[in-house]
Every structure is written in structure tokens, then in C-alpha cells.
Amino acid sequence: MAGGPTLVQRAVDLNYWSRKRATGLRWSAVNAAALLVLAYDLSCKCPGYTSPLHYVEMFMAAVACANLLQYALQLLPRACTAAPLLSVTPAQRQLLGLSDSDLGDEPIHKVLK
């Protein structure tokens, strides 16, 4: 592999990052919903109200906020190394599970007719 990653390795990486983004989007939605519920509940309490459960709820809101930030950062585009385009036939593209929507702005291959 002196010339860089092979087509199969790049396809595996592309599919991995696609699944990771989908999972990150799902968990972002779950954490955002939890944070909204906790923030609404905290905003409806009196300012001077203190109890151990109040502090537990504040801690849970902080954890939900941190998780939301983590998954939001995973949704950012990843840095790609400049690798040469690889030639692939439509049959190979189907076999590797590649689609045009997975490729984004910078395709990793050119399709041979």
C-alpha cells in the first residue's frame, strides 16, 4: 500500500464515518430532548429552592449538555487527506455500498462507464 489506501479500505472508512454520523445525529437528538426537559423543569423552580434532587437535576443537565456538545462535534466534517482518485466500475461501487450521497463534495473515486 505504498500509493495510499486502497479502494476497499477507503470504502470501509467512508461507510464507517457515515454510520458514525448517523449514530451521532440520533444521540444528539436524544440529548437535546433530555436537556430541554431538564432546562424547562429547572426554569420553573423558585430561585431560592435548594434540595439534593435539585443539584442532581442540575448535574444531569450538565451531563446532557456535555454529551450534546460531544455528538455535535462528531457531526462536523472530518479532515480528509488528499488521496488520488481511484477508478471503479458501477458494479464495484454497488458491491462496496457506495452512493453519491455518501461521497459529499470530494469523491474518492471516478466511475468508469
N, C-alpha and C. Protein backbone atom coordinates (compact mmCIF):
# COMPACT_ATOMS: atom_id res chain seq x y z
N MET A 1 0.81 -1.19 0.00
CA MET A 1 0.00 0.00 0.00
C MET A 1 0.86 1.26 0.00
N ALA A 2 1.87 1.28 -0.81
CA ALA A 2 2.76 2.43 -0.84
C ALA A 2 2.08 3.64 -1.46
N GLY A 3 1.13 3.43 -2.36
CA GLY A 3 0.48 4.53 -3.04
C GLY A 3 -0.69 5.13 -2.28
N GLY A 4 -0.96 4.67 -1.11
CA GLY A 4 -2.08 5.19 -0.33
C GLY A 4 -3.11 4.10 -0.08
N PRO A 5 -4.20 4.47 0.55
CA PRO A 5 -5.21 3.46 0.88
C PRO A 5 -5.90 2.91 -0.37
N THR A 6 -6.28 1.66 -0.29
CA THR A 6 -6.94 1.03 -1.42
C THR A 6 -8.41 1.46 -1.47
N LEU A 7 -9.05 1.13 -2.56
CA LEU A 7 -10.46 1.47 -2.73
C LEU A 7 -11.32 0.80 -1.67
N VAL A 8 -11.01 -0.45 -1.36
CA VAL A 8 -11.79 -1.17 -0.35
C VAL A 8 -11.63 -0.50 1.01
N GLN A 9 -10.40 -0.15 1.38
CA GLN A 9 -10.18 0.49 2.67
C GLN A 9 -10.87 1.85 2.73
N ARG A 10 -10.81 2.60 1.65
CA ARG A 10 -11.48 3.91 1.63
C ARG A 10 -12.99 3.76 1.69
N ALA A 11 -13.54 2.72 1.05
CA ALA A 11 -14.98 2.47 1.11
C ALA A 11 -15.39 2.06 2.52
N VAL A 12 -14.59 1.23 3.16
CA VAL A 12 -14.88 0.84 4.54
C VAL A 12 -14.85 2.06 5.45
N ASP A 13 -13.85 2.91 5.29
CA ASP A 13 -13.76 4.13 6.09
C ASP A 13 -14.96 5.04 5.85
N LEU A 14 -15.34 5.18 4.60
CA LEU A 14 -16.48 6.03 4.26
C LEU A 14 -17.77 5.51 4.88
N ASN A 15 -18.00 4.21 4.80
CA ASN A 15 -19.19 3.61 5.41
C ASN A 15 -19.15 3.72 6.93
N TYR A 16 -17.98 3.57 7.52
CA TYR A 16 -17.84 3.70 8.97
C TYR A 16 -18.20 5.11 9.42
N TRP A 17 -17.66 6.12 8.74
CA TRP A 17 -17.94 7.50 9.14
C TRP A 17 -19.39 7.86 8.87
N SER A 18 -19.99 7.29 7.86
CA SER A 18 -21.41 7.53 7.59
C SER A 18 -22.27 6.97 8.71
N ARG A 19 -21.98 5.76 9.15
CA ARG A 19 -22.72 5.17 10.28
C ARG A 19 -22.48 5.95 11.56
N LYS A 20 -21.25 6.39 11.77
CA LYS A 20 -20.92 7.15 12.98
C LYS A 20 -21.66 8.49 13.00
N ARG A 21 -21.79 9.14 11.85
CA ARG A 21 -22.54 10.40 11.79
C ARG A 21 -24.02 10.16 12.07
N ALA A 22 -24.57 9.07 11.54
CA ALA A 22 -25.98 8.76 11.78
C ALA A 22 -26.23 8.48 13.27
N THR A 23 -25.33 7.73 13.88
CA THR A 23 -25.46 7.46 15.32
C THR A 23 -25.32 8.75 16.12
N GLY A 24 -24.38 9.58 15.74
CA GLY A 24 -24.20 10.86 16.43
C GLY A 24 -25.41 11.76 16.31
N LEU A 25 -26.05 11.74 15.17
CA LEU A 25 -27.26 12.55 14.99
C LEU A 25 -28.39 12.05 15.87
N ARG A 26 -28.55 10.74 15.95
CA ARG A 26 -29.59 10.17 16.83
C ARG A 26 -29.35 10.53 18.29
N TRP A 27 -28.11 10.35 18.76
CA TRP A 27 -27.81 10.65 20.15
C TRP A 27 -27.87 12.15 20.42
N SER A 28 -27.57 12.97 19.44
CA SER A 28 -27.72 14.42 19.62
C SER A 28 -29.17 14.77 19.86
N ALA A 29 -30.06 14.15 19.11
CA ALA A 29 -31.49 14.41 19.29
C ALA A 29 -31.97 13.96 20.67
N VAL A 30 -31.51 12.79 21.12
CA VAL A 30 -31.90 12.29 22.44
C VAL A 30 -31.38 13.22 23.53
N ASN A 31 -30.12 13.64 23.43
CA ASN A 31 -29.55 14.53 24.44
C ASN A 31 -30.19 15.90 24.41
N ALA A 32 -30.55 16.40 23.23
CA ALA A 32 -31.22 17.70 23.14
C ALA A 32 -32.59 17.63 23.79
N ALA A 33 -33.31 16.54 23.57
CA ALA A 33 -34.63 16.40 24.20
C ALA A 33 -34.50 16.33 25.72
N ALA A 34 -33.53 15.56 26.21
CA ALA A 34 -33.32 15.47 27.67
C ALA A 34 -32.93 16.82 28.24
N LEU A 35 -32.07 17.53 27.53
CA LEU A 35 -31.65 18.85 28.01
C LEU A 35 -32.81 19.83 28.03
N LEU A 36 -33.68 19.77 27.03
CA LEU A 36 -34.85 20.66 27.01
C LEU A 36 -35.79 20.38 28.18
N VAL A 37 -36.03 19.11 28.45
CA VAL A 37 -36.90 18.74 29.57
C VAL A 37 -36.29 19.20 30.89
N LEU A 38 -35.01 18.94 31.08
CA LEU A 38 -34.35 19.34 32.33
C LEU A 38 -34.28 20.85 32.47
N ALA A 39 -33.98 21.55 31.39
CA ALA A 39 -33.90 23.02 31.45
C ALA A 39 -35.27 23.63 31.75
N TYR A 40 -36.32 23.07 31.16
CA TYR A 40 -37.67 23.57 31.45
C TYR A 40 -38.02 23.34 32.92
N ASP A 41 -37.71 22.16 33.42
CA ASP A 41 -38.01 21.85 34.81
C ASP A 41 -37.21 22.74 35.76
N LEU A 42 -35.94 22.98 35.44
CA LEU A 42 -35.12 23.85 36.28
C LEU A 42 -35.59 25.30 36.23
N SER A 43 -36.10 25.73 35.08
CA SER A 43 -36.54 27.13 34.96
C SER A 43 -37.85 27.39 35.70
N CYS A 44 -38.61 26.35 36.00
CA CYS A 44 -39.89 26.52 36.68
C CYS A 44 -39.77 26.48 38.20
N LYS A 45 -38.57 26.33 38.71
CA LYS A 45 -38.37 26.28 40.16
C LYS A 45 -38.07 27.68 40.69
N CYS A 46 -38.33 27.88 41.95
CA CYS A 46 -38.01 29.15 42.59
C CYS A 46 -36.50 29.32 42.66
N PRO A 47 -36.01 30.55 42.53
CA PRO A 47 -34.56 30.76 42.55
C PRO A 47 -33.89 30.32 43.86
N GLY A 48 -34.59 30.44 44.97
CA GLY A 48 -34.01 30.07 46.25
C GLY A 48 -34.20 28.62 46.62
N TYR A 49 -34.83 27.84 45.74
CA TYR A 49 -35.13 26.44 46.05
C TYR A 49 -33.86 25.60 45.98
N THR A 50 -33.55 24.92 47.05
CA THR A 50 -32.39 24.03 47.07
C THR A 50 -32.78 22.72 47.75
N SER A 51 -32.40 21.65 47.15
CA SER A 51 -32.54 20.32 47.73
C SER A 51 -31.55 19.42 47.02
N PRO A 52 -31.28 18.28 47.57
CA PRO A 52 -30.34 17.37 46.88
C PRO A 52 -30.82 16.98 45.48
N LEU A 53 -32.12 16.82 45.30
CA LEU A 53 -32.63 16.45 43.97
C LEU A 53 -32.44 17.57 42.96
N HIS A 54 -32.51 18.81 43.43
CA HIS A 54 -32.28 19.95 42.53
C HIS A 54 -30.85 19.91 41.98
N TYR A 55 -29.89 19.60 42.86
CA TYR A 55 -28.49 19.52 42.43
C TYR A 55 -28.26 18.32 41.52
N VAL A 56 -28.95 17.22 41.77
CA VAL A 56 -28.86 16.05 40.88
C VAL A 56 -29.40 16.41 39.50
N GLU A 57 -30.50 17.15 39.48
CA GLU A 57 -31.08 17.55 38.20
C GLU A 57 -30.16 18.51 37.45
N MET A 58 -29.50 19.42 38.18
CA MET A 58 -28.54 20.32 37.54
C MET A 58 -27.35 19.54 36.97
N PHE A 59 -26.91 18.53 37.72
CA PHE A 59 -25.80 17.69 37.24
C PHE A 59 -26.21 16.93 35.98
N MET A 60 -27.42 16.39 35.97
CA MET A 60 -27.91 15.67 34.79
C MET A 60 -28.01 16.60 33.58
N ALA A 61 -28.43 17.84 33.81
CA ALA A 61 -28.50 18.81 32.71
C ALA A 61 -27.10 19.12 32.18
N ALA A 62 -26.13 19.22 33.07
CA ALA A 62 -24.75 19.47 32.64
C ALA A 62 -24.21 18.30 31.83
N VAL A 63 -24.52 17.08 32.26
CA VAL A 63 -24.07 15.89 31.51
C VAL A 63 -24.74 15.84 30.14
N ALA A 64 -26.04 16.13 30.09
CA ALA A 64 -26.75 16.13 28.80
C ALA A 64 -26.17 17.21 27.88
N CYS A 65 -25.82 18.35 28.44
CA CYS A 65 -25.22 19.43 27.63
C CYS A 65 -23.84 19.00 27.10
N ALA A 66 -23.04 18.38 27.95
CA ALA A 66 -21.71 17.91 27.51
C ALA A 66 -21.84 16.84 26.42
N ASN A 67 -22.78 15.92 26.59
CA ASN A 67 -22.99 14.88 25.58
C ASN A 67 -23.48 15.48 24.27
N LEU A 68 -24.37 16.45 24.36
CA LEU A 68 -24.86 17.11 23.15
C LEU A 68 -23.71 17.80 22.41
N LEU A 69 -22.83 18.44 23.14
CA LEU A 69 -21.67 19.09 22.53
C LEU A 69 -20.74 18.05 21.89
N GLN A 70 -20.52 16.93 22.57
CA GLN A 70 -19.66 15.88 22.03
C GLN A 70 -20.20 15.34 20.71
N TYR A 71 -21.49 15.01 20.68
CA TYR A 71 -22.06 14.44 19.46
C TYR A 71 -22.19 15.50 18.36
N ALA A 72 -22.39 16.75 18.73
CA ALA A 72 -22.44 17.80 17.73
C ALA A 72 -21.08 17.97 17.07
N LEU A 73 -20.02 17.84 17.85
CA LEU A 73 -18.67 17.93 17.27
C LEU A 73 -18.37 16.75 16.35
N GLN A 74 -18.97 15.59 16.63
CA GLN A 74 -18.77 14.44 15.75
C GLN A 74 -19.45 14.64 14.40
N LEU A 75 -20.46 15.50 14.36
CA LEU A 75 -21.17 15.73 13.11
C LEU A 75 -20.42 16.67 12.18
N LEU A 76 -19.41 17.37 12.70
CA LEU A 76 -18.62 18.25 11.85
C LEU A 76 -17.87 17.43 10.82
N PRO A 77 -17.62 18.01 9.66
CA PRO A 77 -16.88 17.26 8.63
C PRO A 77 -15.48 16.91 9.13
N ARG A 78 -15.06 15.73 8.80
CA ARG A 78 -13.73 15.30 9.22
C ARG A 78 -12.71 15.74 8.18
N ALA A 79 -11.48 15.88 8.61
CA ALA A 79 -10.41 16.26 7.69
C ALA A 79 -10.03 15.07 6.83
N CYS A 80 -10.00 15.27 5.54
CA CYS A 80 -9.65 14.20 4.61
C CYS A 80 -8.24 14.45 4.09
N THR A 81 -7.52 13.38 3.94
CA THR A 81 -6.20 13.50 3.34
C THR A 81 -6.38 13.53 1.82
N ALA A 82 -5.50 14.22 1.16
CA ALA A 82 -5.58 14.32 -0.29
C ALA A 82 -5.05 13.03 -0.90
N ALA A 83 -5.95 12.18 -1.32
CA ALA A 83 -5.58 10.91 -1.94
C ALA A 83 -6.01 10.95 -3.40
N PRO A 84 -5.30 10.26 -4.26
CA PRO A 84 -5.67 10.28 -5.67
C PRO A 84 -7.01 9.57 -5.89
N LEU A 85 -7.70 9.98 -6.94
CA LEU A 85 -8.96 9.33 -7.30
C LEU A 85 -8.68 7.91 -7.76
N LEU A 86 -9.55 7.00 -7.38
CA LEU A 86 -9.43 5.62 -7.79
C LEU A 86 -10.54 5.30 -8.78
N SER A 87 -10.21 4.51 -9.79
CA SER A 87 -11.20 4.12 -10.79
C SER A 87 -12.02 2.95 -10.27
N VAL A 88 -13.33 3.03 -10.48
CA VAL A 88 -14.22 1.98 -10.02
C VAL A 88 -15.37 1.86 -11.00
N THR A 89 -15.81 0.63 -11.23
CA THR A 89 -16.95 0.41 -12.10
C THR A 89 -18.24 0.52 -11.29
N PRO A 90 -19.38 0.71 -11.94
CA PRO A 90 -20.65 0.75 -11.20
C PRO A 90 -20.91 -0.52 -10.40
N ALA A 91 -20.50 -1.67 -10.91
CA ALA A 91 -20.70 -2.93 -10.17
C ALA A 91 -19.86 -2.93 -8.90
N GLN A 92 -18.62 -2.44 -8.98
CA GLN A 92 -17.77 -2.37 -7.80
C GLN A 92 -18.34 -1.37 -6.79
N ARG A 93 -18.85 -0.26 -7.29
CA ARG A 93 -19.43 0.75 -6.40
C ARG A 93 -20.63 0.17 -5.65
N GLN A 94 -21.45 -0.61 -6.34
CA GLN A 94 -22.61 -1.23 -5.68
C GLN A 94 -22.14 -2.28 -4.68
N LEU A 95 -21.14 -3.05 -5.03
CA LEU A 95 -20.61 -4.07 -4.14
C LEU A 95 -20.02 -3.46 -2.87
N LEU A 96 -19.37 -2.32 -3.00
CA LEU A 96 -18.76 -1.66 -1.85
C LEU A 96 -19.77 -0.87 -1.03
N GLY A 97 -20.97 -0.71 -1.55
CA GLY A 97 -22.00 0.02 -0.81
C GLY A 97 -21.83 1.52 -0.86
N LEU A 98 -21.21 2.02 -1.91
CA LEU A 98 -21.00 3.46 -2.05
C LEU A 98 -22.18 4.08 -2.79
N SER A 99 -22.54 5.28 -2.38
CA SER A 99 -23.56 6.02 -3.10
C SER A 99 -23.09 7.46 -3.28
N ASP A 100 -23.73 8.18 -4.18
CA ASP A 100 -23.33 9.56 -4.43
C ASP A 100 -23.56 10.44 -3.20
N SER A 101 -24.58 10.14 -2.41
CA SER A 101 -24.85 10.95 -1.23
C SER A 101 -23.80 10.74 -0.15
N ASP A 102 -23.14 9.59 -0.12
CA ASP A 102 -22.08 9.35 0.85
C ASP A 102 -20.81 10.10 0.51
N LEU A 103 -20.63 10.42 -0.75
CA LEU A 103 -19.36 10.98 -1.20
C LEU A 103 -19.19 12.45 -0.85
N GLY A 104 -20.24 13.20 -0.78
CA GLY A 104 -20.13 14.62 -0.46
C GLY A 104 -19.51 15.39 -1.60
N ASP A 105 -18.71 16.39 -1.25
CA ASP A 105 -18.10 17.28 -2.25
C ASP A 105 -16.87 16.69 -2.91
N GLU A 106 -16.16 15.85 -2.18
CA GLU A 106 -14.90 15.32 -2.70
C GLU A 106 -15.03 13.81 -2.88
N PRO A 107 -15.31 13.35 -4.10
CA PRO A 107 -15.44 11.90 -4.31
C PRO A 107 -14.09 11.21 -4.14
N ILE A 108 -14.17 9.96 -3.71
CA ILE A 108 -12.93 9.18 -3.54
C ILE A 108 -12.65 8.35 -4.78
N HIS A 109 -13.53 8.40 -5.75
CA HIS A 109 -13.33 7.59 -6.93
C HIS A 109 -13.99 8.25 -8.13
N LYS A 110 -13.63 7.78 -9.30
CA LYS A 110 -14.34 8.19 -10.50
C LYS A 110 -14.98 6.94 -11.09
N VAL A 111 -16.18 7.10 -11.57
CA VAL A 111 -16.94 5.95 -12.08
C VAL A 111 -16.59 5.73 -13.54
N LEU A 112 -16.22 4.51 -13.84
CA LEU A 112 -15.95 4.15 -15.23
C LEU A 112 -17.24 3.69 -15.87
N LYS A 113 -17.45 4.04 -17.09
CA LYS A 113 -18.68 3.64 -17.82
C LYS A 113 -18.49 2.31 -18.47
